[in-house]
Amino acid sequence: MDLSAMQKYRFIQYLSILILLQSPFAFAQPDLWLRMYSENKISELMQLRGAGKISSPDWGRFVDALSVEETDSALKSYIRIYTTTGDENLKKLSLDRISQYYYAKGFYESANRILEDPQFRKQVFAIQKMKSTYGVQLGAFSSYQNALQNKKKLQKKISDVFILSKNNQGKTLYVVVSGKLNSRKAAQKLRQEILRRTGQKGLIIQFEGE
């Protein structure tokens, strides 16, 4: 392919993505995102996610998980999606990603049983949920409304912000947290990213994974 042909190809590719992002159908339907995933258009899905064009929270979490480098953290996301979503296609995709995780680790029998044996699958998921999860604490409030206000403010700059309730000497404390990660190292990396984006120094904490 000569230079002019390459430039033409890149222009057409860029134009097609731009049209997709600007189209009202980009907000459309899970069947569009499903087709894109089946065609391995992962980067395009991530662009839609970045542009706010994926309206489904479950699909948004799924695309976010696709971009997570640490496989253990991604696994937790897929399990959470599988156990909470009402989208049957998304459940199948998440289950397939979970099976791929164990296959890549060399646990071939487990990878197959997760797909075929519901009871075994339930046991594996329960074990994963009991493992400690790391996150970055960004605030603690005695009032849920204050915690919610802080969460909404942070969500303008960072994703995956949520509220944990903790009992502190008989009183309920509402803690604003970002990240559900499998290791302290990953949480430290997230802490630095949050500092860069918000100027806020968070505190790394451990809590029971969902």
N, C-alpha and C. Protein backbone atom coordinates (compact mmCIF):
# COMPACT_ATOMS: atom_id res chain seq x y z
N MET A 1 0.86 -1.20 0.00
CA MET A 1 0.00 0.00 0.00
C MET A 1 0.89 1.25 0.00
N ASP A 2 0.73 2.13 -1.04
CA ASP A 2 1.56 3.33 -1.10
C ASP A 2 1.05 4.36 -0.09
N LEU A 3 1.79 5.49 0.02
CA LEU A 3 1.47 6.49 1.04
C LEU A 3 0.08 7.07 0.85
N SER A 4 -0.27 7.40 -0.41
CA SER A 4 -1.57 8.01 -0.65
C SER A 4 -2.70 7.04 -0.31
N ALA A 5 -2.51 5.77 -0.63
CA ALA A 5 -3.52 4.77 -0.31
C ALA A 5 -3.65 4.60 1.20
N MET A 6 -2.50 4.61 1.91
CA MET A 6 -2.52 4.50 3.36
C MET A 6 -3.23 5.69 3.99
N GLN A 7 -2.95 6.89 3.48
CA GLN A 7 -3.60 8.08 4.00
C GLN A 7 -5.12 8.02 3.77
N LYS A 8 -5.50 7.52 2.59
CA LYS A 8 -6.91 7.39 2.27
C LYS A 8 -7.59 6.40 3.21
N TYR A 9 -6.90 5.27 3.46
CA TYR A 9 -7.44 4.24 4.35
C TYR A 9 -7.64 4.80 5.75
N ARG A 10 -6.63 5.51 6.26
CA ARG A 10 -6.72 6.06 7.61
C ARG A 10 -7.82 7.11 7.70
N PHE A 11 -7.97 7.90 6.63
CA PHE A 11 -9.00 8.93 6.63
C PHE A 11 -10.39 8.30 6.68
N ILE A 12 -10.60 7.25 5.88
CA ILE A 12 -11.90 6.56 5.86
C ILE A 12 -12.18 5.93 7.22
N GLN A 13 -11.14 5.33 7.82
CA GLN A 13 -11.30 4.70 9.13
C GLN A 13 -11.66 5.75 10.18
N TYR A 14 -10.96 6.88 10.16
CA TYR A 14 -11.23 7.96 11.10
C TYR A 14 -12.64 8.51 10.90
N LEU A 15 -13.04 8.67 9.63
CA LEU A 15 -14.35 9.22 9.31
C LEU A 15 -15.46 8.30 9.79
N SER A 16 -15.27 7.00 9.62
CA SER A 16 -16.29 6.04 10.04
C SER A 16 -16.47 6.06 11.56
N ILE A 17 -15.36 6.18 12.29
CA ILE A 17 -15.44 6.25 13.76
C ILE A 17 -16.12 7.55 14.18
N LEU A 18 -15.78 8.65 13.50
CA LEU A 18 -16.36 9.95 13.83
C LEU A 18 -17.86 9.94 13.61
N ILE A 19 -18.30 9.35 12.49
CA ILE A 19 -19.72 9.26 12.19
C ILE A 19 -20.44 8.44 13.26
N LEU A 20 -19.80 7.34 13.66
CA LEU A 20 -20.38 6.48 14.68
C LEU A 20 -20.54 7.21 16.00
N LEU A 21 -19.52 7.97 16.37
CA LEU A 21 -19.56 8.70 17.64
C LEU A 21 -20.63 9.78 17.64
N GLN A 22 -20.87 10.40 16.47
CA GLN A 22 -21.80 11.51 16.39
C GLN A 22 -23.22 11.07 16.07
N SER A 23 -23.37 9.85 15.63
CA SER A 23 -24.68 9.35 15.24
C SER A 23 -25.58 9.18 16.45
N PRO A 24 -26.88 9.50 16.31
CA PRO A 24 -27.80 9.25 17.42
C PRO A 24 -27.93 7.77 17.74
N PHE A 25 -27.58 6.92 16.76
CA PHE A 25 -27.66 5.48 16.99
C PHE A 25 -26.49 4.99 17.82
N ALA A 26 -25.50 5.86 18.05
CA ALA A 26 -24.37 5.45 18.88
C ALA A 26 -24.82 5.21 20.31
N PHE A 27 -25.92 5.83 20.70
CA PHE A 27 -26.45 5.61 22.03
C PHE A 27 -27.26 4.34 22.06
N ALA A 28 -27.39 3.74 20.91
CA ALA A 28 -28.35 2.72 20.71
C ALA A 28 -28.13 1.55 21.57
N GLN A 29 -28.17 0.58 20.97
CA GLN A 29 -28.63 -0.56 21.68
C GLN A 29 -27.50 -1.51 21.98
N PRO A 30 -27.69 -2.31 23.01
CA PRO A 30 -26.69 -3.31 23.34
C PRO A 30 -26.34 -4.22 22.18
N ASP A 31 -27.30 -4.41 21.21
CA ASP A 31 -26.96 -5.28 20.07
C ASP A 31 -25.87 -4.67 19.21
N LEU A 32 -25.80 -3.33 19.17
CA LEU A 32 -24.71 -2.67 18.44
C LEU A 32 -23.38 -2.93 19.14
N TRP A 33 -23.36 -2.77 20.45
CA TRP A 33 -22.12 -2.99 21.21
C TRP A 33 -21.71 -4.46 21.17
N LEU A 34 -22.72 -5.33 21.19
CA LEU A 34 -22.44 -6.77 21.09
C LEU A 34 -21.80 -7.10 19.75
N ARG A 35 -22.32 -6.51 18.69
CA ARG A 35 -21.76 -6.76 17.35
C ARG A 35 -20.33 -6.22 17.26
N MET A 36 -20.10 -5.05 17.82
CA MET A 36 -18.75 -4.48 17.80
C MET A 36 -17.78 -5.37 18.56
N TYR A 37 -18.22 -5.89 19.71
CA TYR A 37 -17.36 -6.78 20.49
C TYR A 37 -17.06 -8.06 19.72
N SER A 38 -18.10 -8.64 19.09
CA SER A 38 -17.91 -9.88 18.35
C SER A 38 -17.00 -9.69 17.15
N GLU A 39 -16.92 -8.46 16.65
CA GLU A 39 -16.03 -8.14 15.53
C GLU A 39 -14.67 -7.63 16.01
N ASN A 40 -14.44 -7.76 17.33
CA ASN A 40 -13.17 -7.39 17.97
C ASN A 40 -12.85 -5.90 17.82
N LYS A 41 -13.89 -5.07 17.80
CA LYS A 41 -13.69 -3.63 17.70
C LYS A 41 -13.61 -3.03 19.11
N ILE A 42 -12.63 -3.51 19.85
CA ILE A 42 -12.49 -3.12 21.25
C ILE A 42 -12.11 -1.65 21.38
N SER A 43 -11.19 -1.20 20.54
CA SER A 43 -10.75 0.20 20.63
C SER A 43 -11.91 1.15 20.32
N GLU A 44 -12.77 0.76 19.36
CA GLU A 44 -13.93 1.59 19.04
C GLU A 44 -14.92 1.63 20.21
N LEU A 45 -15.09 0.49 20.87
CA LEU A 45 -15.95 0.45 22.05
C LEU A 45 -15.42 1.38 23.14
N MET A 46 -14.10 1.37 23.31
CA MET A 46 -13.49 2.23 24.33
C MET A 46 -13.66 3.70 23.97
N GLN A 47 -13.63 4.01 22.67
CA GLN A 47 -13.85 5.39 22.25
C GLN A 47 -15.28 5.82 22.54
N LEU A 48 -16.23 4.93 22.27
CA LEU A 48 -17.62 5.23 22.60
C LEU A 48 -17.78 5.46 24.10
N ARG A 49 -17.13 4.63 24.89
CA ARG A 49 -17.19 4.76 26.34
C ARG A 49 -16.61 6.10 26.78
N GLY A 50 -15.46 6.44 26.22
CA GLY A 50 -14.82 7.70 26.56
C GLY A 50 -15.64 8.92 26.17
N ALA A 51 -16.44 8.76 25.09
CA ALA A 51 -17.27 9.86 24.63
C ALA A 51 -18.64 9.89 25.31
N GLY A 52 -18.85 8.97 26.25
CA GLY A 52 -20.11 8.93 26.97
C GLY A 52 -21.27 8.39 26.16
N LYS A 53 -20.96 7.60 25.13
CA LYS A 53 -21.99 7.10 24.22
C LYS A 53 -22.53 5.73 24.62
N ILE A 54 -22.01 5.14 25.67
CA ILE A 54 -22.55 3.86 26.15
C ILE A 54 -23.42 4.15 27.36
N SER A 55 -24.72 4.08 27.14
CA SER A 55 -25.67 4.52 28.16
C SER A 55 -25.94 3.48 29.24
N SER A 56 -25.64 2.22 28.96
CA SER A 56 -25.90 1.15 29.93
C SER A 56 -24.76 1.08 30.95
N PRO A 57 -25.06 1.21 32.25
CA PRO A 57 -24.00 1.09 33.27
C PRO A 57 -23.27 -0.25 33.22
N ASP A 58 -24.03 -1.33 32.97
CA ASP A 58 -23.41 -2.66 32.93
C ASP A 58 -22.45 -2.78 31.75
N TRP A 59 -22.87 -2.30 30.59
CA TRP A 59 -21.98 -2.32 29.43
C TRP A 59 -20.79 -1.39 29.64
N GLY A 60 -21.02 -0.27 30.31
CA GLY A 60 -19.92 0.64 30.61
C GLY A 60 -18.87 -0.03 31.48
N ARG A 61 -19.32 -0.77 32.50
CA ARG A 61 -18.39 -1.49 33.36
C ARG A 61 -17.65 -2.59 32.60
N PHE A 62 -18.37 -3.23 31.67
CA PHE A 62 -17.74 -4.30 30.87
C PHE A 62 -16.62 -3.73 30.00
N VAL A 63 -16.89 -2.62 29.33
CA VAL A 63 -15.86 -1.99 28.49
C VAL A 63 -14.70 -1.49 29.34
N ASP A 64 -15.00 -0.95 30.51
CA ASP A 64 -13.93 -0.52 31.43
C ASP A 64 -13.04 -1.71 31.79
N ALA A 65 -13.66 -2.85 32.06
CA ALA A 65 -12.90 -4.05 32.44
C ALA A 65 -11.99 -4.52 31.31
N LEU A 66 -12.44 -4.32 30.07
CA LEU A 66 -11.61 -4.72 28.92
C LEU A 66 -10.29 -3.96 28.88
N SER A 67 -10.30 -2.76 29.45
CA SER A 67 -9.10 -1.92 29.39
C SER A 67 -8.20 -2.08 30.62
N VAL A 68 -8.63 -2.89 31.59
CA VAL A 68 -7.85 -3.08 32.82
C VAL A 68 -6.69 -4.03 32.54
N GLU A 69 -5.47 -3.56 32.83
CA GLU A 69 -4.28 -4.37 32.56
C GLU A 69 -4.14 -5.51 33.57
N GLU A 70 -4.47 -5.26 34.82
CA GLU A 70 -4.32 -6.28 35.85
C GLU A 70 -5.49 -7.26 35.77
N THR A 71 -5.19 -8.50 35.37
CA THR A 71 -6.24 -9.47 35.09
C THR A 71 -7.06 -9.83 36.32
N ASP A 72 -6.45 -9.85 37.51
CA ASP A 72 -7.20 -10.18 38.72
C ASP A 72 -8.28 -9.14 39.01
N SER A 73 -7.95 -7.87 38.76
CA SER A 73 -8.93 -6.81 38.96
C SER A 73 -10.05 -6.89 37.93
N ALA A 74 -9.67 -7.20 36.69
CA ALA A 74 -10.68 -7.36 35.63
C ALA A 74 -11.62 -8.52 35.97
N LEU A 75 -11.06 -9.60 36.52
CA LEU A 75 -11.87 -10.76 36.89
C LEU A 75 -12.97 -10.36 37.86
N LYS A 76 -12.64 -9.56 38.87
CA LYS A 76 -13.64 -9.12 39.84
C LYS A 76 -14.76 -8.34 39.15
N SER A 77 -14.39 -7.52 38.17
CA SER A 77 -15.39 -6.75 37.43
C SER A 77 -16.33 -7.66 36.64
N TYR A 78 -15.75 -8.65 35.97
CA TYR A 78 -16.58 -9.57 35.18
C TYR A 78 -17.53 -10.37 36.07
N ILE A 79 -17.04 -10.79 37.23
CA ILE A 79 -17.89 -11.54 38.17
C ILE A 79 -19.03 -10.65 38.66
N ARG A 80 -18.70 -9.42 38.97
CA ARG A 80 -19.73 -8.49 39.44
C ARG A 80 -20.79 -8.27 38.36
N ILE A 81 -20.35 -8.08 37.11
CA ILE A 81 -21.29 -7.87 36.02
C ILE A 81 -22.17 -9.11 35.83
N TYR A 82 -21.53 -10.28 35.84
CA TYR A 82 -22.27 -11.53 35.62
C TYR A 82 -23.36 -11.72 36.68
N THR A 83 -23.04 -11.41 37.92
CA THR A 83 -23.97 -11.68 39.02
C THR A 83 -25.03 -10.59 39.20
N THR A 84 -24.90 -9.46 38.51
CA THR A 84 -25.85 -8.36 38.73
C THR A 84 -26.63 -7.94 37.49
N THR A 85 -26.10 -8.17 36.29
CA THR A 85 -26.76 -7.66 35.10
C THR A 85 -27.98 -8.49 34.72
N GLY A 86 -28.94 -7.82 34.09
CA GLY A 86 -30.10 -8.51 33.55
C GLY A 86 -29.98 -8.77 32.07
N ASP A 87 -28.87 -8.35 31.48
CA ASP A 87 -28.62 -8.53 30.04
C ASP A 87 -28.00 -9.91 29.82
N GLU A 88 -28.77 -10.81 29.23
CA GLU A 88 -28.31 -12.19 29.07
C GLU A 88 -27.09 -12.29 28.17
N ASN A 89 -27.03 -11.47 27.12
CA ASN A 89 -25.86 -11.49 26.24
C ASN A 89 -24.61 -11.05 26.99
N LEU A 90 -24.78 -10.03 27.82
CA LEU A 90 -23.64 -9.53 28.59
C LEU A 90 -23.20 -10.55 29.64
N LYS A 91 -24.14 -11.29 30.19
CA LYS A 91 -23.80 -12.36 31.13
C LYS A 91 -22.92 -13.40 30.44
N LYS A 92 -23.30 -13.76 29.20
CA LYS A 92 -22.53 -14.75 28.45
C LYS A 92 -21.12 -14.24 28.14
N LEU A 93 -21.03 -12.97 27.75
CA LEU A 93 -19.71 -12.39 27.45
C LEU A 93 -18.84 -12.36 28.70
N SER A 94 -19.43 -11.96 29.81
CA SER A 94 -18.68 -11.88 31.07
C SER A 94 -18.21 -13.27 31.51
N LEU A 95 -19.09 -14.25 31.36
CA LEU A 95 -18.73 -15.62 31.73
C LEU A 95 -17.60 -16.14 30.85
N ASP A 96 -17.65 -15.78 29.58
CA ASP A 96 -16.59 -16.19 28.66
C ASP A 96 -15.25 -15.56 29.06
N ARG A 97 -15.27 -14.28 29.46
CA ARG A 97 -14.04 -13.61 29.90
C ARG A 97 -13.51 -14.24 31.19
N ILE A 98 -14.40 -14.63 32.08
CA ILE A 98 -13.98 -15.30 33.32
C ILE A 98 -13.32 -16.63 33.00
N SER A 99 -13.93 -17.39 32.09
CA SER A 99 -13.35 -18.68 31.68
C SER A 99 -11.98 -18.47 31.04
N GLN A 100 -11.84 -17.43 30.22
CA GLN A 100 -10.56 -17.12 29.58
C GLN A 100 -9.48 -16.82 30.62
N TYR A 101 -9.87 -16.15 31.70
CA TYR A 101 -8.92 -15.83 32.77
C TYR A 101 -8.30 -17.11 33.33
N TYR A 102 -9.14 -18.08 33.67
CA TYR A 102 -8.62 -19.33 34.24
C TYR A 102 -7.86 -20.16 33.21
N TYR A 103 -8.29 -20.10 31.97
CA TYR A 103 -7.57 -20.82 30.91
C TYR A 103 -6.16 -20.25 30.75
N ALA A 104 -6.06 -18.91 30.76
CA ALA A 104 -4.75 -18.26 30.62
C ALA A 104 -3.83 -18.58 31.79
N LYS A 105 -4.41 -18.86 32.96
CA LYS A 105 -3.63 -19.23 34.14
C LYS A 105 -3.20 -20.70 34.11
N GLY A 106 -3.71 -21.45 33.13
CA GLY A 106 -3.37 -22.87 33.03
C GLY A 106 -4.34 -23.79 33.75
N PHE A 107 -5.45 -23.23 34.27
CA PHE A 107 -6.46 -24.04 34.96
C PHE A 107 -7.54 -24.43 33.95
N TYR A 108 -7.18 -25.35 33.07
CA TYR A 108 -8.04 -25.68 31.94
C TYR A 108 -9.35 -26.34 32.38
N GLU A 109 -9.28 -27.23 33.36
CA GLU A 109 -10.49 -27.90 33.84
C GLU A 109 -11.44 -26.89 34.48
N SER A 110 -10.87 -25.99 35.28
CA SER A 110 -11.70 -24.95 35.92
C SER A 110 -12.35 -24.05 34.88
N ALA A 111 -11.59 -23.72 33.85
CA ALA A 111 -12.11 -22.86 32.78
C ALA A 111 -13.34 -23.49 32.14
N ASN A 112 -13.28 -24.79 31.91
CA ASN A 112 -14.42 -25.49 31.29
C ASN A 112 -15.58 -25.65 32.27
N ARG A 113 -15.27 -25.96 33.53
CA ARG A 113 -16.33 -26.18 34.51
C ARG A 113 -17.09 -24.89 34.82
N ILE A 114 -16.39 -23.77 34.78
CA ILE A 114 -17.06 -22.48 35.01
C ILE A 114 -18.14 -22.25 33.97
N LEU A 115 -17.89 -22.70 32.75
CA LEU A 115 -18.87 -22.55 31.68
C LEU A 115 -20.03 -23.54 31.81
N GLU A 116 -19.74 -24.74 32.32
CA GLU A 116 -20.71 -25.83 32.24
C GLU A 116 -21.37 -26.22 33.56
N ASP A 117 -20.73 -25.89 34.68
CA ASP A 117 -21.21 -26.36 35.98
C ASP A 117 -21.62 -25.18 36.86
N PRO A 118 -22.92 -24.88 36.96
CA PRO A 118 -23.39 -23.73 37.74
C PRO A 118 -22.98 -23.77 39.21
N GLN A 119 -22.98 -24.96 39.82
CA GLN A 119 -22.63 -25.07 41.23
C GLN A 119 -21.15 -24.75 41.46
N PHE A 120 -20.29 -25.28 40.59
CA PHE A 120 -18.86 -24.99 40.67
C PHE A 120 -18.61 -23.50 40.46
N ARG A 121 -19.31 -22.94 39.49
CA ARG A 121 -19.20 -21.51 39.19
C ARG A 121 -19.55 -20.68 40.42
N LYS A 122 -20.62 -21.04 41.09
CA LYS A 122 -21.06 -20.32 42.29
C LYS A 122 -20.00 -20.36 43.38
N GLN A 123 -19.37 -21.52 43.55
CA GLN A 123 -18.33 -21.68 44.57
C GLN A 123 -17.12 -20.81 44.25
N VAL A 124 -16.71 -20.81 43.00
CA VAL A 124 -15.56 -20.00 42.58
C VAL A 124 -15.83 -18.52 42.80
N PHE A 125 -17.02 -18.08 42.43
CA PHE A 125 -17.37 -16.67 42.59
C PHE A 125 -17.39 -16.28 44.07
N ALA A 126 -17.89 -17.18 44.91
CA ALA A 126 -17.95 -16.89 46.35
C ALA A 126 -16.55 -16.72 46.93
N ILE A 127 -15.62 -17.55 46.49
CA ILE A 127 -14.23 -17.45 46.96
C ILE A 127 -13.62 -16.12 46.52
N GLN A 128 -13.85 -15.75 45.27
CA GLN A 128 -13.31 -14.50 44.75
C GLN A 128 -13.86 -13.29 45.51
N LYS A 129 -15.15 -13.35 45.84
CA LYS A 129 -15.77 -12.23 46.53
C LYS A 129 -15.24 -12.05 47.95
N MET A 130 -14.78 -13.14 48.56
CA MET A 130 -14.26 -13.06 49.93
C MET A 130 -12.85 -12.47 49.99
N LYS A 131 -12.17 -12.43 48.86
CA LYS A 131 -10.81 -11.90 48.85
C LYS A 131 -10.83 -10.40 49.10
N SER A 132 -9.83 -9.94 49.80
CA SER A 132 -9.74 -8.51 50.10
C SER A 132 -9.58 -7.69 48.82
N THR A 133 -10.22 -6.55 48.81
CA THR A 133 -10.16 -5.63 47.69
C THR A 133 -9.49 -4.34 48.16
N TYR A 134 -8.70 -3.75 47.28
CA TYR A 134 -8.02 -2.49 47.60
C TYR A 134 -8.70 -1.34 46.87
N GLY A 135 -8.72 -0.20 47.52
CA GLY A 135 -9.26 1.00 46.91
C GLY A 135 -8.58 2.23 47.49
N VAL A 136 -8.98 3.39 46.98
CA VAL A 136 -8.41 4.65 47.46
C VAL A 136 -9.52 5.47 48.12
N GLN A 137 -9.37 5.70 49.42
CA GLN A 137 -10.35 6.49 50.16
C GLN A 137 -10.12 7.97 49.88
N LEU A 138 -11.22 8.66 49.53
CA LEU A 138 -11.11 10.07 49.15
C LEU A 138 -11.92 10.98 50.06
N GLY A 139 -12.58 10.40 51.02
CA GLY A 139 -13.35 11.22 51.96
C GLY A 139 -14.14 10.34 52.91
N ALA A 140 -14.47 10.87 54.08
CA ALA A 140 -15.28 10.15 55.06
C ALA A 140 -16.24 11.14 55.72
N PHE A 141 -17.53 10.79 55.78
CA PHE A 141 -18.54 11.74 56.23
C PHE A 141 -19.53 11.06 57.18
N SER A 142 -20.04 11.81 58.11
CA SER A 142 -21.07 11.29 59.01
C SER A 142 -22.44 11.37 58.36
N SER A 143 -22.55 12.19 57.31
CA SER A 143 -23.81 12.37 56.60
C SER A 143 -23.73 11.71 55.22
N TYR A 144 -24.73 10.90 54.89
CA TYR A 144 -24.75 10.26 53.57
C TYR A 144 -24.87 11.30 52.46
N GLN A 145 -25.66 12.34 52.69
CA GLN A 145 -25.84 13.38 51.67
C GLN A 145 -24.53 14.08 51.35
N ASN A 146 -23.71 14.34 52.37
CA ASN A 146 -22.41 14.96 52.14
C ASN A 146 -21.49 14.02 51.36
N ALA A 147 -21.56 12.73 51.69
CA ALA A 147 -20.75 11.75 50.96
C ALA A 147 -21.19 11.67 49.51
N LEU A 148 -22.50 11.70 49.28
CA LEU A 148 -23.04 11.65 47.92
C LEU A 148 -22.63 12.87 47.12
N GLN A 149 -22.65 14.03 47.75
CA GLN A 149 -22.24 15.26 47.08
C GLN A 149 -20.76 15.19 46.69
N ASN A 150 -19.93 14.67 47.59
CA ASN A 150 -18.51 14.51 47.31
C ASN A 150 -18.27 13.51 46.17
N LYS A 151 -19.04 12.43 46.18
CA LYS A 151 -18.94 11.42 45.13
C LYS A 151 -19.24 12.03 43.76
N LYS A 152 -20.34 12.79 43.66
CA LYS A 152 -20.73 13.39 42.39
C LYS A 152 -19.67 14.37 41.89
N LYS A 153 -19.06 15.10 42.80
CA LYS A 153 -18.00 16.04 42.44
C LYS A 153 -16.80 15.31 41.87
N LEU A 154 -16.41 14.20 42.50
CA LEU A 154 -15.25 13.43 42.06
C LEU A 154 -15.51 12.73 40.73
N GLN A 155 -16.76 12.32 40.49
CA GLN A 155 -17.09 11.60 39.26
C GLN A 155 -16.91 12.45 38.01
N LYS A 156 -16.78 13.74 38.18
CA LYS A 156 -16.52 14.60 37.03
C LYS A 156 -15.10 14.42 36.51
N LYS A 157 -14.22 13.88 37.35
CA LYS A 157 -12.80 13.74 36.98
C LYS A 157 -12.31 12.30 36.98
N ILE A 158 -12.94 11.43 37.78
CA ILE A 158 -12.50 10.04 37.85
C ILE A 158 -13.71 9.12 37.83
N SER A 159 -13.49 7.88 37.42
CA SER A 159 -14.59 6.91 37.33
C SER A 159 -14.54 5.94 38.51
N ASP A 160 -15.55 5.11 38.58
CA ASP A 160 -15.64 4.05 39.60
C ASP A 160 -15.52 4.62 41.01
N VAL A 161 -16.36 5.59 41.31
CA VAL A 161 -16.42 6.16 42.66
C VAL A 161 -17.69 5.65 43.34
N PHE A 162 -17.57 5.20 44.56
CA PHE A 162 -18.72 4.64 45.26
C PHE A 162 -18.62 4.95 46.75
N ILE A 163 -19.67 4.63 47.48
CA ILE A 163 -19.73 4.92 48.91
C ILE A 163 -19.82 3.62 49.71
N LEU A 164 -18.95 3.48 50.69
CA LEU A 164 -18.99 2.37 51.63
C LEU A 164 -19.48 2.89 52.98
N SER A 165 -20.31 2.12 53.65
CA SER A 165 -20.73 2.50 55.00
C SER A 165 -19.96 1.66 56.01
N LYS A 166 -19.42 2.31 57.02
CA LYS A 166 -18.64 1.63 58.06
C LYS A 166 -19.16 2.03 59.43
N ASN A 167 -19.05 1.09 60.35
CA ASN A 167 -19.43 1.38 61.73
C ASN A 167 -18.20 1.82 62.50
N ASN A 168 -18.25 3.03 63.04
CA ASN A 168 -17.12 3.59 63.77
C ASN A 168 -17.58 3.98 65.18
N GLN A 169 -17.26 3.13 66.16
CA GLN A 169 -17.62 3.37 67.57
C GLN A 169 -19.12 3.61 67.72
N GLY A 170 -19.89 2.75 67.04
CA GLY A 170 -21.34 2.82 67.16
C GLY A 170 -22.00 3.81 66.24
N LYS A 171 -21.22 4.55 65.48
CA LYS A 171 -21.76 5.53 64.54
C LYS A 171 -21.45 5.10 63.11
N THR A 172 -22.37 5.41 62.20
CA THR A 172 -22.17 5.07 60.79
C THR A 172 -21.36 6.15 60.10
N LEU A 173 -20.31 5.71 59.42
CA LEU A 173 -19.45 6.62 58.67
C LEU A 173 -19.57 6.26 57.19
N TYR A 174 -19.73 7.26 56.34
CA TYR A 174 -19.87 7.04 54.90
C TYR A 174 -18.55 7.41 54.21
N VAL A 175 -17.91 6.41 53.64
CA VAL A 175 -16.57 6.58 53.07
C VAL A 175 -16.66 6.59 51.55
N VAL A 176 -16.09 7.62 50.93
CA VAL A 176 -16.05 7.73 49.47
C VAL A 176 -14.77 7.08 48.97
N VAL A 177 -14.93 6.12 48.07
CA VAL A 177 -13.81 5.30 47.62
C VAL A 177 -13.79 5.22 46.10
N SER A 178 -12.59 5.10 45.54
CA SER A 178 -12.43 4.82 44.11
C SER A 178 -11.62 3.55 43.95
N GLY A 179 -12.06 2.67 43.05
CA GLY A 179 -11.30 1.47 42.73
C GLY A 179 -11.68 0.25 43.52
N LYS A 180 -11.74 -0.87 42.82
CA LYS A 180 -11.92 -2.19 43.44
C LYS A 180 -10.84 -3.08 42.86
N LEU A 181 -9.67 -3.02 43.47
CA LEU A 181 -8.46 -3.61 42.89
C LEU A 181 -7.97 -4.80 43.70
N ASN A 182 -7.19 -5.63 43.04
CA ASN A 182 -6.77 -6.89 43.65
C ASN A 182 -5.44 -6.79 44.40
N SER A 183 -4.72 -5.69 44.23
CA SER A 183 -3.41 -5.59 44.88
C SER A 183 -3.15 -4.16 45.34
N ARG A 184 -2.29 -4.04 46.35
CA ARG A 184 -1.90 -2.72 46.84
C ARG A 184 -1.14 -1.95 45.76
N LYS A 185 -0.36 -2.67 44.95
CA LYS A 185 0.40 -2.03 43.88
C LYS A 185 -0.53 -1.33 42.90
N ALA A 186 -1.61 -2.00 42.53
CA ALA A 186 -2.58 -1.40 41.61
C ALA A 186 -3.25 -0.20 42.26
N ALA A 187 -3.53 -0.29 43.56
CA ALA A 187 -4.15 0.82 44.28
C ALA A 187 -3.21 2.02 44.36
N GLN A 188 -1.92 1.76 44.53
CA GLN A 188 -0.93 2.84 44.56
C GLN A 188 -0.87 3.56 43.21
N LYS A 189 -0.97 2.78 42.15
CA LYS A 189 -0.98 3.37 40.80
C LYS A 189 -2.22 4.24 40.61
N LEU A 190 -3.37 3.74 41.08
CA LEU A 190 -4.60 4.52 41.00
C LEU A 190 -4.50 5.78 41.84
N ARG A 191 -3.90 5.67 43.01
CA ARG A 191 -3.74 6.83 43.91
C ARG A 191 -2.95 7.94 43.22
N GLN A 192 -1.90 7.57 42.50
CA GLN A 192 -1.10 8.55 41.78
C GLN A 192 -1.90 9.19 40.65
N GLU A 193 -2.72 8.38 39.97
CA GLU A 193 -3.54 8.90 38.88
C GLU A 193 -4.59 9.87 39.41
N ILE A 194 -5.18 9.55 40.55
CA ILE A 194 -6.16 10.45 41.17
C ILE A 194 -5.50 11.75 41.61
N LEU A 195 -4.30 11.65 42.15
CA LEU A 195 -3.55 12.85 42.56
C LEU A 195 -3.29 13.74 41.36
N ARG A 196 -2.96 13.12 40.23
CA ARG A 196 -2.68 13.88 39.01
C ARG A 196 -3.94 14.57 38.50
N ARG A 197 -5.07 13.89 38.59
CA ARG A 197 -6.31 14.43 38.03
C ARG A 197 -7.01 15.43 38.95
N THR A 198 -6.92 15.19 40.24
CA THR A 198 -7.70 16.00 41.18
C THR A 198 -6.87 16.82 42.16
N GLY A 199 -5.58 16.47 42.30
CA GLY A 199 -4.75 17.14 43.29
C GLY A 199 -5.00 16.64 44.70
N GLN A 200 -5.81 15.61 44.83
CA GLN A 200 -6.18 15.08 46.14
C GLN A 200 -5.37 13.84 46.47
N LYS A 201 -4.80 13.81 47.67
CA LYS A 201 -4.04 12.65 48.13
C LYS A 201 -5.00 11.69 48.84
N GLY A 202 -5.21 10.54 48.22
CA GLY A 202 -6.11 9.56 48.81
C GLY A 202 -5.37 8.62 49.76
N LEU A 203 -6.14 7.82 50.46
CA LEU A 203 -5.60 6.84 51.40
C LEU A 203 -5.96 5.44 50.91
N ILE A 204 -4.96 4.57 50.78
CA ILE A 204 -5.21 3.20 50.34
C ILE A 204 -5.84 2.40 51.47
N ILE A 205 -6.96 1.76 51.17
CA ILE A 205 -7.66 0.96 52.17
C ILE A 205 -7.97 -0.43 51.62
N GLN A 206 -8.28 -1.35 52.52
CA GLN A 206 -8.73 -2.68 52.16
C GLN A 206 -10.16 -2.87 52.64
N PHE A 207 -10.96 -3.57 51.84
CA PHE A 207 -12.32 -3.88 52.25
C PHE A 207 -12.74 -5.18 51.57
N GLU A 208 -13.82 -5.74 52.04
CA GLU A 208 -14.28 -7.00 51.48
C GLU A 208 -14.86 -6.77 50.10
N GLY A 209 -14.36 -7.54 49.10
CA GLY A 209 -14.80 -7.36 47.73
C GLY A 209 -16.25 -7.74 47.55
N GLU A 210 -16.87 -7.10 46.55
CA GLU A 210 -18.28 -7.40 46.28
C GLU A 210 -18.39 -8.58 45.33
